[in-house]
Amino acid sequence: MRHLAKVAEKGHETGMTPRNVAIVWAPNLLRCKELEVGGVAALQGVGVQAVVTEFLVCYTDLIFCDRLPNISLPPIQGTNIYFFFF
């Protein structure tokens, strides 16, 4: 996944943006027997695979890191609820 993220970093030069990398690699990374049958469901499934793969490519450093960074988000509007990630 890190290699695909590096490829996507050069997308402005190569045309292999995170979305294009995901479209090409999703069927290989997230293979499912149900999608091999074909039909409309298979096309929809490939779309979902591409979205998930694009997310993984875009957030590889965060998802596959050894230690998560400290992140605090602003409260939800109208509440006193804060989110903290450690």
PDB file of N, CA and C in Angstrom:
ATOM      1  N   MET A   1       0.827  -1.181   0.000  1.00  0.00           N
ATOM      2  CA  MET A   1       0.000   0.000   0.000  1.00  0.00           C
ATOM      3  C   MET A   1       0.879   1.255   0.000  1.00  0.00           C
ATOM      4  N   ARG A   2       1.984   1.183   0.706  1.00  0.00           N
ATOM      5  CA  ARG A   2       2.883   2.346   0.722  1.00  0.00           C
ATOM      6  C   ARG A   2       3.430   2.645  -0.672  1.00  0.00           C
ATOM      7  N   HIS A   3       3.706   1.600  -1.436  1.00  0.00           N
ATOM      8  CA  HIS A   3       4.192   1.804  -2.798  1.00  0.00           C
ATOM      9  C   HIS A   3       3.120   2.508  -3.639  1.00  0.00           C
ATOM     10  N   LEU A   4       1.882   2.084  -3.509  1.00  0.00           N
ATOM     11  CA  LEU A   4       0.806   2.716  -4.265  1.00  0.00           C
ATOM     12  C   LEU A   4       0.617   4.170  -3.845  1.00  0.00           C
ATOM     13  N   ALA A   5       0.797   4.451  -2.572  1.00  0.00           N
ATOM     14  CA  ALA A   5       0.709   5.839  -2.104  1.00  0.00           C
ATOM     15  C   ALA A   5       1.830   6.685  -2.720  1.00  0.00           C
ATOM     16  N   LYS A   6       3.024   6.114  -2.824  1.00  0.00           N
ATOM     17  CA  LYS A   6       4.136   6.843  -3.461  1.00  0.00           C
ATOM     18  C   LYS A   6       3.858   7.087  -4.934  1.00  0.00           C
ATOM     19  N   VAL A   7       3.273   6.098  -5.609  1.00  0.00           N
ATOM     20  CA  VAL A   7       2.901   6.274  -7.018  1.00  0.00           C
ATOM     21  C   VAL A   7       1.895   7.416  -7.134  1.00  0.00           C
ATOM     22  N   ALA A   8       0.911   7.444  -6.242  1.00  0.00           N
ATOM     23  CA  ALA A   8      -0.125   8.475  -6.281  1.00  0.00           C
ATOM     24  C   ALA A   8       0.435   9.867  -5.978  1.00  0.00           C
ATOM     25  N   GLU A   9       1.497   9.947  -5.176  1.00  0.00           N
ATOM     26  CA  GLU A   9       2.120  11.237  -4.893  1.00  0.00           C
ATOM     27  C   GLU A   9       2.638  11.911  -6.157  1.00  0.00           C
ATOM     28  N   LYS A  10       2.998  11.127  -7.141  1.00  0.00           N
ATOM     29  CA  LYS A  10       3.501  11.648  -8.414  1.00  0.00           C
ATOM     30  C   LYS A  10       2.376  11.777  -9.447  1.00  0.00           C
ATOM     31  N   GLY A  11       1.142  11.714  -9.001  1.00  0.00           N
ATOM     32  CA  GLY A  11      -0.008  11.742  -9.894  1.00  0.00           C
ATOM     33  C   GLY A  11      -0.067  12.964 -10.784  1.00  0.00           C
ATOM     34  N   HIS A  12       0.404  14.102 -10.284  1.00  0.00           N
ATOM     35  CA  HIS A  12       0.395  15.316 -11.107  1.00  0.00           C
ATOM     36  C   HIS A  12       1.338  15.191 -12.300  1.00  0.00           C
ATOM     37  N   GLU A  13       2.335  14.316 -12.204  1.00  0.00           N
ATOM     38  CA  GLU A  13       3.275  14.095 -13.306  1.00  0.00           C
ATOM     39  C   GLU A  13       2.869  12.910 -14.186  1.00  0.00           C
ATOM     40  N   THR A  14       2.303  11.884 -13.568  1.00  0.00           N
ATOM     41  CA  THR A  14       2.054  10.623 -14.274  1.00  0.00           C
ATOM     42  C   THR A  14       0.595  10.384 -14.634  1.00  0.00           C
ATOM     43  N   GLY A  15      -0.306  11.113 -14.016  1.00  0.00           N
ATOM     44  CA  GLY A  15      -1.732  10.865 -14.221  1.00  0.00           C
ATOM     45  C   GLY A  15      -2.286   9.786 -13.305  1.00  0.00           C
ATOM     46  N   MET A  16      -1.413   9.158 -12.522  1.00  0.00           N
ATOM     47  CA  MET A  16      -1.855   8.110 -11.593  1.00  0.00           C
ATOM     48  C   MET A  16      -2.188   8.742 -10.245  1.00  0.00           C
ATOM     49  N   THR A  17      -3.306   9.430 -10.223  1.00  0.00           N
ATOM     50  CA  THR A  17      -3.807  10.054  -9.001  1.00  0.00           C
ATOM     51  C   THR A  17      -4.285   8.959  -8.047  1.00  0.00           C
ATOM     52  N   PRO A  18      -4.568   9.295  -6.800  1.00  0.00           N
ATOM     53  CA  PRO A  18      -5.092   8.268  -5.885  1.00  0.00           C
ATOM     54  C   PRO A  18      -6.322   7.557  -6.449  1.00  0.00           C
ATOM     55  N   ARG A  19      -7.198   8.285  -7.112  1.00  0.00           N
ATOM     56  CA  ARG A  19      -8.397   7.660  -7.684  1.00  0.00           C
ATOM     57  C   ARG A  19      -8.027   6.687  -8.802  1.00  0.00           C
ATOM     58  N   ASN A  20      -7.120   7.085  -9.681  1.00  0.00           N
ATOM     59  CA  ASN A  20      -6.733   6.206 -10.781  1.00  0.00           C
ATOM     60  C   ASN A  20      -5.992   4.965 -10.283  1.00  0.00           C
ATOM     61  N   VAL A  21      -5.124   5.146  -9.295  1.00  0.00           N
ATOM     62  CA  VAL A  21      -4.438   3.998  -8.694  1.00  0.00           C
ATOM     63  C   VAL A  21      -5.474   3.044  -8.105  1.00  0.00           C
ATOM     64  N   ALA A  22      -6.473   3.607  -7.434  1.00  0.00           N
ATOM     65  CA  ALA A  22      -7.511   2.777  -6.813  1.00  0.00           C
ATOM     66  C   ALA A  22      -8.321   2.017  -7.853  1.00  0.00           C
ATOM     67  N   ILE A  23      -8.676   2.666  -8.943  1.00  0.00           N
ATOM     68  CA  ILE A  23      -9.465   2.008  -9.989  1.00  0.00           C
ATOM     69  C   ILE A  23      -8.698   0.818 -10.569  1.00  0.00           C
ATOM     70  N   VAL A  24      -7.404   1.007 -10.766  1.00  0.00           N
ATOM     71  CA  VAL A  24      -6.586  -0.054 -11.352  1.00  0.00           C
ATOM     72  C   VAL A  24      -6.361  -1.202 -10.371  1.00  0.00           C
ATOM     73  N   TRP A  25      -6.059  -0.877  -9.113  1.00  0.00           N
ATOM     74  CA  TRP A  25      -5.634  -1.900  -8.161  1.00  0.00           C
ATOM     75  C   TRP A  25      -6.749  -2.486  -7.295  1.00  0.00           C
ATOM     76  N   ALA A  26      -7.877  -1.814  -7.164  1.00  0.00           N
ATOM     77  CA  ALA A  26      -8.944  -2.290  -6.272  1.00  0.00           C
ATOM     78  C   ALA A  26      -9.383  -3.720  -6.560  1.00  0.00           C
ATOM     79  N   PRO A  27      -9.617  -4.100  -7.813  1.00  0.00           N
ATOM     80  CA  PRO A  27     -10.066  -5.477  -8.057  1.00  0.00           C
ATOM     81  C   PRO A  27      -9.054  -6.537  -7.620  1.00  0.00           C
ATOM     82  N   ASN A  28      -7.772  -6.188  -7.600  1.00  0.00           N
ATOM     83  CA  ASN A  28      -6.747  -7.144  -7.170  1.00  0.00           C
ATOM     84  C   ASN A  28      -6.571  -7.151  -5.656  1.00  0.00           C
ATOM     85  N   LEU A  29      -6.737  -6.009  -5.036  1.00  0.00           N
ATOM     86  CA  LEU A  29      -6.525  -5.916  -3.590  1.00  0.00           C
ATOM     87  C   LEU A  29      -7.734  -6.398  -2.791  1.00  0.00           C
ATOM     88  N   LEU A  30      -8.916  -6.171  -3.315  1.00  0.00           N
ATOM     89  CA  LEU A  30     -10.146  -6.493  -2.585  1.00  0.00           C
ATOM     90  C   LEU A  30     -11.011  -7.457  -3.389  1.00  0.00           C
ATOM     91  N   ARG A  31     -10.452  -8.542  -3.817  1.00  0.00           N
ATOM     92  CA  ARG A  31     -11.150  -9.522  -4.659  1.00  0.00           C
ATOM     93  C   ARG A  31     -12.265 -10.212  -3.871  1.00  0.00           C
ATOM     94  N   CYS A  32     -13.348 -10.451  -4.563  1.00  0.00           N
ATOM     95  CA  CYS A  32     -14.518 -11.085  -3.960  1.00  0.00           C
ATOM     96  C   CYS A  32     -15.152 -12.009  -4.993  1.00  0.00           C
ATOM     97  N   LYS A  33     -15.446 -13.265  -4.621  1.00  0.00           N
ATOM     98  CA  LYS A  33     -16.016 -14.231  -5.566  1.00  0.00           C
ATOM     99  C   LYS A  33     -17.353 -13.765  -6.131  1.00  0.00           C
ATOM    100  N   GLU A  34     -18.147 -13.097  -5.309  1.00  0.00           N
ATOM    101  CA  GLU A  34     -19.464 -12.650  -5.754  1.00  0.00           C
ATOM    102  C   GLU A  34     -19.345 -11.685  -6.932  1.00  0.00           C
ATOM    103  N   LEU A  35     -18.250 -10.914  -6.980  1.00  0.00           N
ATOM    104  CA  LEU A  35     -18.086  -9.941  -8.057  1.00  0.00           C
ATOM    105  C   LEU A  35     -17.610 -10.576  -9.352  1.00  0.00           C
ATOM    106  N   GLU A  36     -17.092 -11.784  -9.277  1.00  0.00           N
ATOM    107  CA  GLU A  36     -16.591 -12.448 -10.476  1.00  0.00           C
ATOM    108  C   GLU A  36     -17.722 -12.960 -11.367  1.00  0.00           C
ATOM    109  N   VAL A  37     -18.936 -13.034 -10.825  1.00  0.00           N
ATOM    110  CA  VAL A  37     -20.084 -13.499 -11.590  1.00  0.00           C
ATOM    111  C   VAL A  37     -20.450 -12.477 -12.665  1.00  0.00           C
ATOM    112  N   GLY A  38     -20.288 -11.203 -12.352  1.00  0.00           N
ATOM    113  CA  GLY A  38     -20.604 -10.148 -13.315  1.00  0.00           C
ATOM    114  C   GLY A  38     -21.947  -9.518 -13.035  1.00  0.00           C
ATOM    115  N   GLY A  39     -22.416  -8.731 -13.974  1.00  0.00           N
ATOM    116  CA  GLY A  39     -23.707  -8.067 -13.832  1.00  0.00           C
ATOM    117  C   GLY A  39     -23.595  -6.714 -13.167  1.00  0.00           C
ATOM    118  N   VAL A  40     -24.748  -6.113 -12.923  1.00  0.00           N
ATOM    119  CA  VAL A  40     -24.821  -4.777 -12.337  1.00  0.00           C
ATOM    120  C   VAL A  40     -24.235  -4.757 -10.927  1.00  0.00           C
ATOM    121  N   ALA A  41     -24.519  -5.781 -10.149  1.00  0.00           N
ATOM    122  CA  ALA A  41     -23.998  -5.846  -8.781  1.00  0.00           C
ATOM    123  C   ALA A  41     -22.479  -5.837  -8.779  1.00  0.00           C
ATOM    124  N   ALA A  42     -21.887  -6.500  -9.753  1.00  0.00           N
ATOM    125  CA  ALA A  42     -20.426  -6.535  -9.842  1.00  0.00           C
ATOM    126  C   ALA A  42     -19.877  -5.144 -10.124  1.00  0.00           C
ATOM    127  N   LEU A  43     -20.534  -4.406 -11.005  1.00  0.00           N
ATOM    128  CA  LEU A  43     -20.077  -3.045 -11.304  1.00  0.00           C
ATOM    129  C   LEU A  43     -20.181  -2.141 -10.078  1.00  0.00           C
ATOM    130  N   GLN A  44     -21.263  -2.287  -9.323  1.00  0.00           N
ATOM    131  CA  GLN A  44     -21.423  -1.500  -8.105  1.00  0.00           C
ATOM    132  C   GLN A  44     -20.358  -1.898  -7.078  1.00  0.00           C
ATOM    133  N   GLY A  45     -20.086  -3.192  -6.985  1.00  0.00           N
ATOM    134  CA  GLY A  45     -19.079  -3.677  -6.041  1.00  0.00           C
ATOM    135  C   GLY A  45     -17.698  -3.152  -6.368  1.00  0.00           C
ATOM    136  N   VAL A  46     -17.369  -3.085  -7.645  1.00  0.00           N
ATOM    137  CA  VAL A  46     -16.069  -2.564  -8.064  1.00  0.00           C
ATOM    138  C   VAL A  46     -15.963  -1.094  -7.670  1.00  0.00           C
ATOM    139  N   GLY A  47     -17.060  -0.355  -7.780  1.00  0.00           N
ATOM    140  CA  GLY A  47     -17.059   1.045  -7.366  1.00  0.00           C
ATOM    141  C   GLY A  47     -16.766   1.200  -5.883  1.00  0.00           C
ATOM    142  N   VAL A  48     -17.374   0.349  -5.076  1.00  0.00           N
ATOM    143  CA  VAL A  48     -17.124   0.377  -3.629  1.00  0.00           C
ATOM    144  C   VAL A  48     -15.668   0.014  -3.349  1.00  0.00           C
ATOM    145  N   GLN A  49     -15.168  -1.008  -4.031  1.00  0.00           N
ATOM    146  CA  GLN A  49     -13.767  -1.398  -3.864  1.00  0.00           C
ATOM    147  C   GLN A  49     -12.839  -0.231  -4.183  1.00  0.00           C
ATOM    148  N   ALA A  50     -13.137   0.504  -5.246  1.00  0.00           N
ATOM    149  CA  ALA A  50     -12.294   1.621  -5.651  1.00  0.00           C
ATOM    150  C   ALA A  50     -12.308   2.728  -4.607  1.00  0.00           C
ATOM    151  N   VAL A  51     -13.469   3.005  -4.031  1.00  0.00           N
ATOM    152  CA  VAL A  51     -13.564   4.044  -2.996  1.00  0.00           C
ATOM    153  C   VAL A  51     -12.751   3.646  -1.769  1.00  0.00           C
ATOM    154  N   VAL A  52     -12.886   2.406  -1.340  1.00  0.00           N
ATOM    155  CA  VAL A  52     -12.138   1.923  -0.169  1.00  0.00           C
ATOM    156  C   VAL A  52     -10.638   1.961  -0.452  1.00  0.00           C
ATOM    157  N   THR A  53     -10.237   1.521  -1.635  1.00  0.00           N
ATOM    158  CA  THR A  53      -8.817   1.514  -1.993  1.00  0.00           C
ATOM    159  C   THR A  53      -8.269   2.934  -2.070  1.00  0.00           C
ATOM    160  N   GLU A  54      -9.051   3.855  -2.628  1.00  0.00           N
ATOM    161  CA  GLU A  54      -8.608   5.255  -2.683  1.00  0.00           C
ATOM    162  C   GLU A  54      -8.394   5.810  -1.278  1.00  0.00           C
ATOM    163  N   PHE A  55      -9.295   5.498  -0.376  1.00  0.00           N
ATOM    164  CA  PHE A  55      -9.147   5.922   1.018  1.00  0.00           C
ATOM    165  C   PHE A  55      -7.849   5.370   1.606  1.00  0.00           C
ATOM    166  N   LEU A  56      -7.592   4.080   1.377  1.00  0.00           N
ATOM    167  CA  LEU A  56      -6.370   3.461   1.889  1.00  0.00           C
ATOM    168  C   LEU A  56      -5.120   4.123   1.301  1.00  0.00           C
ATOM    169  N   VAL A  57      -5.155   4.426   0.005  1.00  0.00           N
ATOM    170  CA  VAL A  57      -4.011   5.072  -0.645  1.00  0.00           C
ATOM    171  C   VAL A  57      -3.795   6.469  -0.054  1.00  0.00           C
ATOM    172  N   CYS A  58      -4.864   7.228   0.106  1.00  0.00           N
ATOM    173  CA  CYS A  58      -4.752   8.603   0.603  1.00  0.00           C
ATOM    174  C   CYS A  58      -4.293   8.678   2.059  1.00  0.00           C
ATOM    175  N   TYR A  59      -4.669   7.702   2.862  1.00  0.00           N
ATOM    176  CA  TYR A  59      -4.371   7.747   4.298  1.00  0.00           C
ATOM    177  C   TYR A  59      -3.431   6.632   4.743  1.00  0.00           C
ATOM    178  N   THR A  60      -2.610   6.148   3.818  1.00  0.00           N
ATOM    179  CA  THR A  60      -1.677   5.062   4.122  1.00  0.00           C
ATOM    180  C   THR A  60      -0.799   5.386   5.324  1.00  0.00           C
ATOM    181  N   ASP A  61      -0.235   6.582   5.352  1.00  0.00           N
ATOM    182  CA  ASP A  61       0.674   6.936   6.448  1.00  0.00           C
ATOM    183  C   ASP A  61      -0.022   6.905   7.804  1.00  0.00           C
ATOM    184  N   LEU A  62      -1.266   7.299   7.845  1.00  0.00           N
ATOM    185  CA  LEU A  62      -1.996   7.307   9.112  1.00  0.00           C
ATOM    186  C   LEU A  62      -2.483   5.907   9.483  1.00  0.00           C
ATOM    187  N   ILE A  63      -2.997   5.173   8.510  1.00  0.00           N
ATOM    188  CA  ILE A  63      -3.572   3.847   8.776  1.00  0.00           C
ATOM    189  C   ILE A  63      -2.497   2.822   9.136  1.00  0.00           C
ATOM    190  N   PHE A  64      -1.370   2.877   8.442  1.00  0.00           N
ATOM    191  CA  PHE A  64      -0.336   1.860   8.621  1.00  0.00           C
ATOM    192  C   PHE A  64       0.878   2.365   9.391  1.00  0.00           C
ATOM    193  N   CYS A  65       0.677   3.340  10.271  1.00  0.00           N
ATOM    194  CA  CYS A  65       1.795   3.843  11.060  1.00  0.00           C
ATOM    195  C   CYS A  65       1.943   3.027  12.344  1.00  0.00           C
ATOM    196  N   ASP A  66       3.105   3.150  12.949  1.00  0.00           N
ATOM    197  CA  ASP A  66       3.368   2.426  14.192  1.00  0.00           C
ATOM    198  C   ASP A  66       2.683   3.071  15.383  1.00  0.00           C
ATOM    199  N   ARG A  67       2.496   4.379  15.301  1.00  0.00           N
ATOM    200  CA  ARG A  67       1.918   5.120  16.415  1.00  0.00           C
ATOM    201  C   ARG A  67       1.017   6.214  15.865  1.00  0.00           C
ATOM    202  N   LEU A  68      -0.193   6.317  16.370  1.00  0.00           N
ATOM    203  CA  LEU A  68      -1.110   7.347  15.909  1.00  0.00           C
ATOM    204  C   LEU A  68      -0.729   8.711  16.484  1.00  0.00           C
ATOM    205  N   PRO A  69      -0.875   9.761  15.690  1.00  0.00           N
ATOM    206  CA  PRO A  69      -0.589  11.102  16.203  1.00  0.00           C
ATOM    207  C   PRO A  69      -1.700  11.555  17.140  1.00  0.00           C
ATOM    208  N   ASN A  70      -1.392  12.523  17.988  1.00  0.00           N
ATOM    209  CA  ASN A  70      -2.407  13.120  18.861  1.00  0.00           C
ATOM    210  C   ASN A  70      -3.209  14.110  18.030  1.00  0.00           C
ATOM    211  N   ILE A  71      -4.508  13.894  17.955  1.00  0.00           N
ATOM    212  CA  ILE A  71      -5.384  14.760  17.176  1.00  0.00           C
ATOM    213  C   ILE A  71      -6.569  15.129  18.051  1.00  0.00           C
ATOM    214  N   SER A  72      -6.886  16.404  18.090  1.00  0.00           N
ATOM    215  CA  SER A  72      -8.109  16.816  18.770  1.00  0.00           C
ATOM    216  C   SER A  72      -8.949  17.591  17.767  1.00  0.00           C
ATOM    217  N   LEU A  73     -10.223  17.283  17.739  1.00  0.00           N
ATOM    218  CA  LEU A  73     -11.148  17.929  16.822  1.00  0.00           C
ATOM    219  C   LEU A  73     -12.012  18.903  17.595  1.00  0.00           C
ATOM    220  N   PRO A  74     -12.511  19.941  16.927  1.00  0.00           N
ATOM    221  CA  PRO A  74     -13.393  20.887  17.619  1.00  0.00           C
ATOM    222  C   PRO A  74     -14.673  20.186  18.059  1.00  0.00           C
ATOM    223  N   PRO A  75     -15.361  20.756  19.049  1.00  0.00           N
ATOM    224  CA  PRO A  75     -16.580  20.105  19.534  1.00  0.00           C
ATOM    225  C   PRO A  75     -17.661  20.078  18.455  1.00  0.00           C
ATOM    226  N   ILE A  76     -18.587  19.146  18.602  1.00  0.00           N
ATOM    227  CA  ILE A  76     -19.752  19.108  17.724  1.00  0.00           C
ATOM    228  C   ILE A  76     -20.590  20.339  18.024  1.00  0.00           C
ATOM    229  N   GLN A  77     -20.988  21.030  16.980  1.00  0.00           N
ATOM    230  CA  GLN A  77     -21.707  22.289  17.150  1.00  0.00           C
ATOM    231  C   GLN A  77     -22.954  22.106  18.012  1.00  0.00           C
ATOM    232  N   GLY A  78     -23.106  22.995  18.985  1.00  0.00           N
ATOM    233  CA  GLY A  78     -24.270  22.954  19.860  1.00  0.00           C
ATOM    234  C   GLY A  78     -24.136  21.995  21.027  1.00  0.00           C
ATOM    235  N   THR A  79     -22.951  21.390  21.214  1.00  0.00           N
ATOM    236  CA  THR A  79     -22.753  20.467  22.328  1.00  0.00           C
ATOM    237  C   THR A  79     -21.417  20.774  22.996  1.00  0.00           C
ATOM    238  N   ASN A  80     -21.149  20.096  24.065  1.00  0.00           N
ATOM    239  CA  ASN A  80     -19.850  20.182  24.729  1.00  0.00           C
ATOM    240  C   ASN A  80     -19.046  18.912  24.489  1.00  0.00           C
ATOM    241  N   ILE A  81     -19.326  18.210  23.389  1.00  0.00           N
ATOM    242  CA  ILE A  81     -18.669  16.942  23.093  1.00  0.00           C
ATOM    243  C   ILE A  81     -17.411  17.203  22.267  1.00  0.00           C
ATOM    244  N   TYR A  82     -16.286  16.742  22.775  1.00  0.00           N
ATOM    245  CA  TYR A  82     -15.008  16.845  22.067  1.00  0.00           C
ATOM    246  C   TYR A  82     -14.535  15.448  21.697  1.00  0.00           C
ATOM    247  N   PHE A  83     -13.765  15.364  20.646  1.00  0.00           N
ATOM    248  CA  PHE A  83     -13.172  14.104  20.258  1.00  0.00           C
ATOM    249  C   PHE A  83     -11.664  14.214  20.385  1.00  0.00           C
ATOM    250  N   PHE A  84     -11.064  13.245  21.027  1.00  0.00           N
ATOM    251  CA  PHE A  84      -9.622  13.189  21.156  1.00  0.00           C
ATOM    252  C   PHE A  84      -9.156  11.827  20.681  1.00  0.00           C
ATOM    253  N   PHE A  85      -8.105  11.813  19.889  1.00  0.00           N
ATOM    254  CA  PHE A  85      -7.534  10.564  19.408  1.00  0.00           C
ATOM    255  C   PHE A  85      -6.108  10.492  19.881  1.00  0.00           C
ATOM    256  N   PHE A  86      -5.734   9.387  20.484  1.00  0.00           N
ATOM    257  CA  PHE A  86      -4.364   9.236  20.983  1.00  0.00           C
ATOM    258  C   PHE A  86      -3.714   8.049  20.352  1.00  0.00           C
TER     259      PHE A  86
END
